[in-house]
């Protein structure tokens, strides 16, 4: 029976038309290559090459064998890569990008889920804002991420929406949340907004700017902060109101702003969270696991966006 080494030697001789050139290509002595091909010929009972001067030409049997030999060697190499890639789940580092409030929705639990399955893996959750994570992704610092994709440039990226989150208005004053809040209401509101470093590119801010611009108003913030917890705590102190994702209300309002009231915007506004990686990239097994776990976790917290079939219907899981 032919061995993989014999088939590799055969393919190289076929490609180079010479035992000497094949030996240089594979890093073996020329007599070793010749012996491997002769052994292959004995195994099949046919000549695979005709010796012509210092070179060789394939026989009809050699022509027939070549594509099959390439398939066999290619399948073996693919199997080797697959098994080796599984081993990367036993050790090494997985870097996964997350949007800013991910720590509230799934951060610690996502890491725990990963380590429960693959305790030898080192985990890095990277990112404070979706804009920052997108930049890391494009630079190749991380393989994949879950970020807010509204208003972000997606050229060169593969984007799979997985969940959406309604934006809501949060206040200690029940009168301000008695009805959905319009752009005109925002123009008069004492607002504190998080993500001040990324205020120009943050997806939520960009969405709100479009909303108020369409209404012909230009609200100004009263207070700017970095993290959403500080914004909610300032609401709890009665110093300002804010606009946050509905998940934030569920996760931190009872702790940081007990008694606060919330209501949706008019028209309703939603942010979209998506799994994103570079177009055409093949994710490592560890990154694939993180994508699966992050998707499952966020869909438990927020409104899932299910894959659809060709008729636009949500597929069952």
Protein backbone atom coordinates (compact mmCIF):
# COMPACT_ATOMS: atom_id res chain seq x y z
CA UNK A 1 0.00 0.00 0.00
CA UNK A 2 1.27 3.47 -0.85
CA UNK A 3 2.47 5.67 2.00
CA UNK A 4 1.99 9.44 2.31
CA UNK A 5 5.75 9.93 2.06
CA UNK A 6 5.86 7.99 -1.21
CA UNK A 7 2.97 10.03 -2.59
CA UNK A 8 4.63 13.31 -1.61
CA UNK A 9 7.83 12.22 -3.36
CA UNK A 10 5.84 11.21 -6.44
CA UNK A 11 4.03 14.58 -6.57
CA UNK A 12 7.28 16.51 -6.27
CA UNK A 13 8.98 14.48 -9.03
CA UNK A 14 5.88 14.99 -11.21
CA UNK A 15 5.92 18.77 -10.63
CA UNK A 16 9.68 19.22 -11.14
CA UNK A 17 10.25 16.59 -13.83
CA UNK A 18 13.42 15.49 -12.08
CA UNK A 19 14.48 13.34 -9.14
CA UNK A 20 17.29 15.77 -8.35
CA UNK A 21 14.99 18.81 -8.29
CA UNK A 22 12.43 16.90 -6.20
CA UNK A 23 15.15 15.97 -3.72
CA UNK A 24 16.14 19.64 -3.37
CA UNK A 25 12.50 20.61 -2.95
CA UNK A 26 11.83 18.05 -0.21
CA UNK A 27 15.23 18.22 1.47
CA UNK A 28 16.21 14.60 0.89
CA UNK A 29 19.05 12.91 -0.95
CA UNK A 30 18.31 12.08 -4.59
CA UNK A 31 18.72 8.29 -4.13
CA UNK A 32 16.11 8.40 -1.34
CA UNK A 33 13.56 10.05 -3.64
CA UNK A 34 14.28 7.55 -6.39
CA UNK A 35 13.80 4.63 -3.99
CA UNK A 36 10.48 5.99 -2.73
CA UNK A 37 9.13 6.29 -6.27
CA UNK A 38 10.42 2.80 -7.19
CA UNK A 39 8.68 1.40 -4.10
CA UNK A 40 5.47 3.13 -5.18
CA UNK A 41 5.79 1.63 -8.65
CA UNK A 42 6.32 -1.84 -7.19
CA UNK A 43 3.26 -1.36 -5.00
CA UNK A 44 1.07 -0.53 -8.03
CA UNK A 45 2.86 -2.87 -10.46
CA UNK A 46 3.25 -0.12 -13.08
CA UNK A 47 5.83 2.46 -14.14
CA UNK A 48 4.88 5.99 -13.16
CA UNK A 49 7.67 7.82 -15.00
CA UNK A 50 9.70 7.33 -18.14
CA UNK A 51 13.34 8.24 -17.66
CA UNK A 52 14.46 10.71 -20.34
CA UNK A 53 18.05 11.93 -20.07
CA UNK A 54 18.45 13.67 -16.71
CA UNK A 55 14.72 14.11 -16.29
CA UNK A 56 11.51 12.13 -16.30
CA UNK A 57 8.09 12.34 -17.90
CA UNK A 58 4.95 10.78 -16.42
CA UNK A 59 3.43 7.69 -17.95
CA UNK A 60 -0.35 7.37 -18.43
CA UNK A 61 -0.43 5.66 -15.03
CA UNK A 62 1.46 8.58 -13.53
CA UNK A 63 -0.96 11.07 -15.09
CA UNK A 64 -3.86 9.11 -13.61
CA UNK A 65 -2.29 8.93 -10.16
CA UNK A 66 -1.38 12.59 -9.76
CA UNK A 67 -4.81 14.12 -8.92
CA UNK A 68 -5.63 11.23 -6.62
CA UNK A 69 -2.26 11.52 -4.88
CA UNK A 70 -2.81 15.25 -4.37
CA UNK A 71 -6.26 14.62 -2.90
CA UNK A 72 -4.90 11.97 -0.55
CA UNK A 73 -1.98 14.08 0.66
CA UNK A 74 -4.21 17.17 0.93
CA UNK A 75 -6.78 15.28 3.02
CA UNK A 76 -4.06 13.99 5.33
CA UNK A 77 -2.64 17.49 5.80
CA UNK A 78 -6.12 18.89 6.47
CA UNK A 79 -6.70 16.22 9.09
CA UNK A 80 -3.36 17.06 10.68
CA UNK A 81 -4.23 20.76 10.82
CA UNK A 82 -7.66 20.02 12.28
CA UNK A 83 -6.25 17.86 15.06
CA UNK A 84 -3.50 20.36 15.83
CA UNK A 85 -6.02 23.19 15.95
CA UNK A 86 -8.08 21.30 18.51
CA UNK A 87 -4.99 21.15 20.67
CA UNK A 88 -4.99 24.96 20.77
CA UNK A 89 -8.08 24.69 22.95
CA UNK A 90 -5.94 23.00 25.59
CA UNK A 91 -3.59 25.97 25.99
CA UNK A 92 -2.78 29.33 24.46
CA UNK A 93 -4.64 32.65 24.47
CA UNK A 94 -7.95 33.66 22.95
CA UNK A 95 -8.54 37.41 22.45
CA UNK A 96 -12.17 38.38 22.00
CA UNK A 97 -13.47 41.92 21.57
CA UNK A 98 -16.50 43.19 23.46
CA UNK A 99 -18.53 46.40 23.56
CA UNK A 100 -18.36 48.65 26.61
CA UNK A 101 -21.32 47.42 28.66
CA UNK A 102 -20.57 43.76 27.95
CA UNK A 103 -19.11 43.47 31.44
CA UNK A 104 -22.60 44.11 32.80
CA UNK A 105 -24.34 41.65 30.51
CA UNK A 106 -21.97 38.74 30.15
CA UNK A 107 -18.34 39.57 30.98
CA UNK A 108 -17.54 37.37 33.98
CA UNK A 109 -20.00 34.68 32.97
CA UNK A 110 -18.56 34.49 29.46
CA UNK A 111 -15.07 33.92 30.86
CA UNK A 112 -16.43 31.33 33.30
CA UNK A 113 -18.22 29.51 30.47
CA UNK A 114 -15.01 29.37 28.44
CA UNK A 115 -12.82 28.17 31.29
CA UNK A 116 -15.35 25.55 32.31
CA UNK A 117 -14.98 23.95 28.88
CA UNK A 118 -11.29 24.63 28.31
CA UNK A 119 -9.56 25.34 31.63
CA UNK A 120 -6.10 25.55 30.03
CA UNK A 121 -6.96 28.50 27.79
CA UNK A 122 -5.91 32.04 28.69
CA UNK A 123 -8.77 34.51 28.01
CA UNK A 124 -8.55 38.20 27.13
CA UNK A 125 -11.74 40.25 26.81
CA UNK A 126 -10.71 43.44 25.04
CA UNK A 127 -12.45 46.76 24.53
CA UNK A 128 -14.18 49.67 26.19
CA UNK A 129 -16.22 50.83 23.20
CA UNK A 130 -17.40 49.29 19.95
CA UNK A 131 -15.41 51.82 17.90
CA UNK A 132 -12.21 50.90 19.67
CA UNK A 133 -12.88 47.17 19.25
CA UNK A 134 -13.53 47.61 15.53
CA UNK A 135 -10.11 49.21 15.19
CA UNK A 136 -8.46 46.31 17.06
CA UNK A 137 -10.25 43.90 14.76
CA UNK A 138 -9.11 45.60 11.58
CA UNK A 139 -5.52 45.69 12.85
CA UNK A 140 -5.61 41.95 13.53
CA UNK A 141 -5.06 42.28 17.27
CA UNK A 142 -8.21 40.24 17.92
CA UNK A 143 -9.88 37.54 15.81
CA UNK A 144 -13.53 38.24 16.47
CA UNK A 145 -15.76 40.47 18.56
CA UNK A 146 -19.28 41.26 19.65
CA UNK A 147 -19.93 44.97 19.17
CA UNK A 148 -22.62 47.49 18.38
CA UNK A 149 -22.68 47.90 14.62
CA UNK A 150 -25.13 50.76 14.14
CA UNK A 151 -23.35 53.57 12.29
CA UNK A 152 -20.02 51.71 12.21
CA UNK A 153 -18.26 51.10 8.91
CA UNK A 154 -18.47 47.41 8.03
CA UNK A 155 -16.45 47.34 4.80
CA UNK A 156 -14.09 44.39 4.88
CA UNK A 157 -15.88 42.85 7.84
CA UNK A 158 -18.18 39.86 8.15
CA UNK A 159 -21.13 40.89 10.32
CA UNK A 160 -23.74 38.58 11.87
CA UNK A 161 -26.42 40.44 13.91
CA UNK A 162 -27.30 38.43 17.03
CA UNK A 163 -29.32 40.71 19.34
CA UNK A 164 -30.93 44.11 19.57
CA UNK A 165 -31.47 46.40 22.53
CA UNK A 166 -33.97 49.21 22.96
CA UNK A 167 -32.62 52.57 24.11
CA UNK A 168 -34.53 54.04 27.06
CA UNK A 169 -34.69 57.30 28.97
CA UNK A 170 -33.86 57.04 32.69
CA UNK A 171 -34.86 59.61 35.31
CA UNK A 172 -35.74 59.95 38.98
CA UNK A 173 -38.59 62.29 37.99
CA UNK A 174 -41.70 60.26 37.09
CA UNK A 175 -43.13 63.23 35.20
CA UNK A 176 -40.29 62.99 32.66
CA UNK A 177 -41.06 59.34 31.96
CA UNK A 178 -44.85 59.59 31.86
CA UNK A 179 -44.77 59.16 28.08
CA UNK A 180 -42.19 58.19 25.43
CA UNK A 181 -39.46 60.82 25.17
CA UNK A 182 -39.17 62.69 21.88
CA UNK A 183 -36.26 64.59 20.37
CA UNK A 184 -37.90 67.84 21.53
CA UNK A 185 -38.01 66.46 25.07
CA UNK A 186 -34.30 65.63 24.84
CA UNK A 187 -33.57 69.20 23.79
CA UNK A 188 -34.84 70.35 27.19
CA UNK A 189 -33.48 67.47 29.28
CA UNK A 190 -30.58 67.66 31.77
CA UNK A 191 -28.55 64.82 30.31
CA UNK A 192 -25.54 62.88 31.51
CA UNK A 193 -24.03 60.63 28.85
CA UNK A 194 -21.38 57.91 29.11
CA UNK A 195 -18.66 57.05 26.56
CA UNK A 196 -17.32 60.59 26.48
CA UNK A 197 -13.96 59.58 24.98
CA UNK A 198 -15.78 58.08 21.99
CA UNK A 199 -18.57 60.64 21.83
CA UNK A 200 -17.91 61.36 18.14
CA UNK A 201 -18.10 57.74 17.00
CA UNK A 202 -20.02 55.80 19.66
CA UNK A 203 -22.88 53.94 17.90
CA UNK A 204 -25.54 54.93 20.46
CA UNK A 205 -24.54 58.59 20.36
CA UNK A 206 -24.52 58.53 16.57
CA UNK A 207 -28.01 57.06 16.56
CA UNK A 208 -29.29 59.73 18.95
CA UNK A 209 -27.66 62.51 16.90
CA UNK A 210 -29.52 61.31 13.84
CA UNK A 211 -32.79 61.22 15.79
CA UNK A 212 -32.50 64.80 17.07
CA UNK A 213 -31.12 66.12 13.79
CA UNK A 214 -34.20 64.87 11.98
CA UNK A 215 -36.28 66.81 14.49
CA UNK A 216 -34.22 69.97 13.96
CA UNK A 217 -32.87 70.24 17.51
CA UNK A 218 -29.39 69.97 19.01
CA UNK A 219 -29.46 68.92 22.68
CA UNK A 220 -26.40 69.54 24.85
CA UNK A 221 -25.28 67.26 27.66
CA UNK A 222 -25.11 68.60 31.18
CA UNK A 223 -22.51 66.06 32.30
CA UNK A 224 -20.06 63.82 30.42
CA UNK A 225 -18.63 60.63 31.96
CA UNK A 226 -16.78 57.55 30.78
CA UNK A 227 -18.70 54.59 32.17
CA UNK A 228 -22.40 53.84 32.22
CA UNK A 229 -22.41 53.00 35.95
CA UNK A 230 -21.36 56.57 36.83
CA UNK A 231 -24.07 57.96 34.57
CA UNK A 232 -26.72 55.80 36.26
CA UNK A 233 -25.44 56.72 39.73
CA UNK A 234 -25.72 60.44 38.87
CA UNK A 235 -29.31 59.79 37.79
CA UNK A 236 -29.88 58.14 41.17
CA UNK A 237 -28.60 61.30 42.88
CA UNK A 238 -31.11 63.39 40.93
CA UNK A 239 -28.40 65.38 39.15
CA UNK A 240 -29.27 64.40 35.56
CA UNK A 241 -31.15 61.99 33.33
CA UNK A 242 -29.57 59.62 30.84
CA UNK A 243 -30.20 57.35 27.86
CA UNK A 244 -29.01 53.78 28.14
CA UNK A 245 -29.68 50.35 26.77
CA UNK A 246 -32.60 48.55 28.38
CA UNK A 247 -30.24 45.86 29.61
CA UNK A 248 -28.45 48.43 31.75
CA UNK A 249 -31.72 49.17 33.53
CA UNK A 250 -32.11 45.48 34.32
CA UNK A 251 -28.53 45.02 35.51
CA UNK A 252 -27.63 48.12 37.56
CA UNK A 253 -30.52 50.51 38.19
CA UNK A 254 -31.80 48.77 41.33
CA UNK A 255 -28.30 49.00 42.79
CA UNK A 256 -27.16 52.45 41.61
CA UNK A 257 -30.40 54.37 41.11
CA UNK A 258 -33.13 52.71 43.20
CA UNK A 259 -36.54 54.16 42.47
CA UNK A 260 -35.58 55.47 39.03
CA UNK A 261 -38.13 55.44 36.23
CA UNK A 262 -37.59 54.63 32.59
CA UNK A 263 -39.46 54.89 29.33
CA UNK A 264 -38.76 54.32 25.63
CA UNK A 265 -38.00 57.02 23.07
CA UNK A 266 -40.33 58.34 20.39
CA UNK A 267 -39.76 57.01 17.81
CA UNK A 268 -38.37 53.86 19.39
CA UNK A 269 -34.64 53.42 18.97
CA UNK A 270 -32.73 50.13 18.98
CA UNK A 271 -29.06 49.24 18.98
CA UNK A 272 -27.85 46.15 17.13
CA UNK A 273 -25.17 43.85 18.51
CA UNK A 274 -23.35 41.60 16.09
CA UNK A 275 -20.56 39.06 15.89
CA UNK A 276 -17.89 40.59 13.67
CA UNK A 277 -14.64 39.36 12.18
CA UNK A 278 -12.57 40.21 9.14
CA UNK A 279 -14.12 39.09 5.87
CA UNK A 280 -12.67 35.85 4.59
CA UNK A 281 -10.93 35.02 7.87
CA UNK A 282 -11.00 31.50 9.27
CA UNK A 283 -11.49 31.68 13.01
CA UNK A 284 -9.41 29.52 15.31
CA UNK A 285 -11.28 26.83 17.27
CA UNK A 286 -10.93 28.89 20.46
CA UNK A 287 -12.40 31.98 18.78
CA UNK A 288 -15.26 29.88 17.41
CA UNK A 289 -16.06 28.68 20.92
CA UNK A 290 -16.03 32.27 22.22
CA UNK A 291 -18.37 33.36 19.42
CA UNK A 292 -20.80 30.57 20.29
CA UNK A 293 -20.70 31.28 24.03
CA UNK A 294 -20.99 35.07 23.64
CA UNK A 295 -23.92 34.73 21.25
CA UNK A 296 -25.75 32.38 23.59
CA UNK A 297 -25.11 34.60 26.61
CA UNK A 298 -26.19 37.89 25.01
CA UNK A 299 -29.34 36.31 23.58
CA UNK A 300 -30.30 35.28 27.10
CA UNK A 301 -30.07 38.92 28.24
CA UNK A 302 -31.29 40.90 25.21
CA UNK A 303 -33.77 40.40 22.38
CA UNK A 304 -32.33 37.75 20.04
CA UNK A 305 -32.00 38.26 16.31
CA UNK A 306 -32.45 34.80 14.84
CA UNK A 307 -30.97 33.63 11.52
CA UNK A 308 -33.55 33.71 8.74
CA UNK A 309 -34.19 31.42 5.84
CA UNK A 310 -34.49 32.59 2.24
CA UNK A 311 -38.11 33.58 2.81
CA UNK A 312 -37.14 35.83 5.72
CA UNK A 313 -38.55 33.54 8.40
CA UNK A 314 -36.67 32.86 11.61
CA UNK A 315 -35.15 29.41 11.62
CA UNK A 316 -35.96 27.13 14.53
CA UNK A 317 -33.17 26.02 16.84
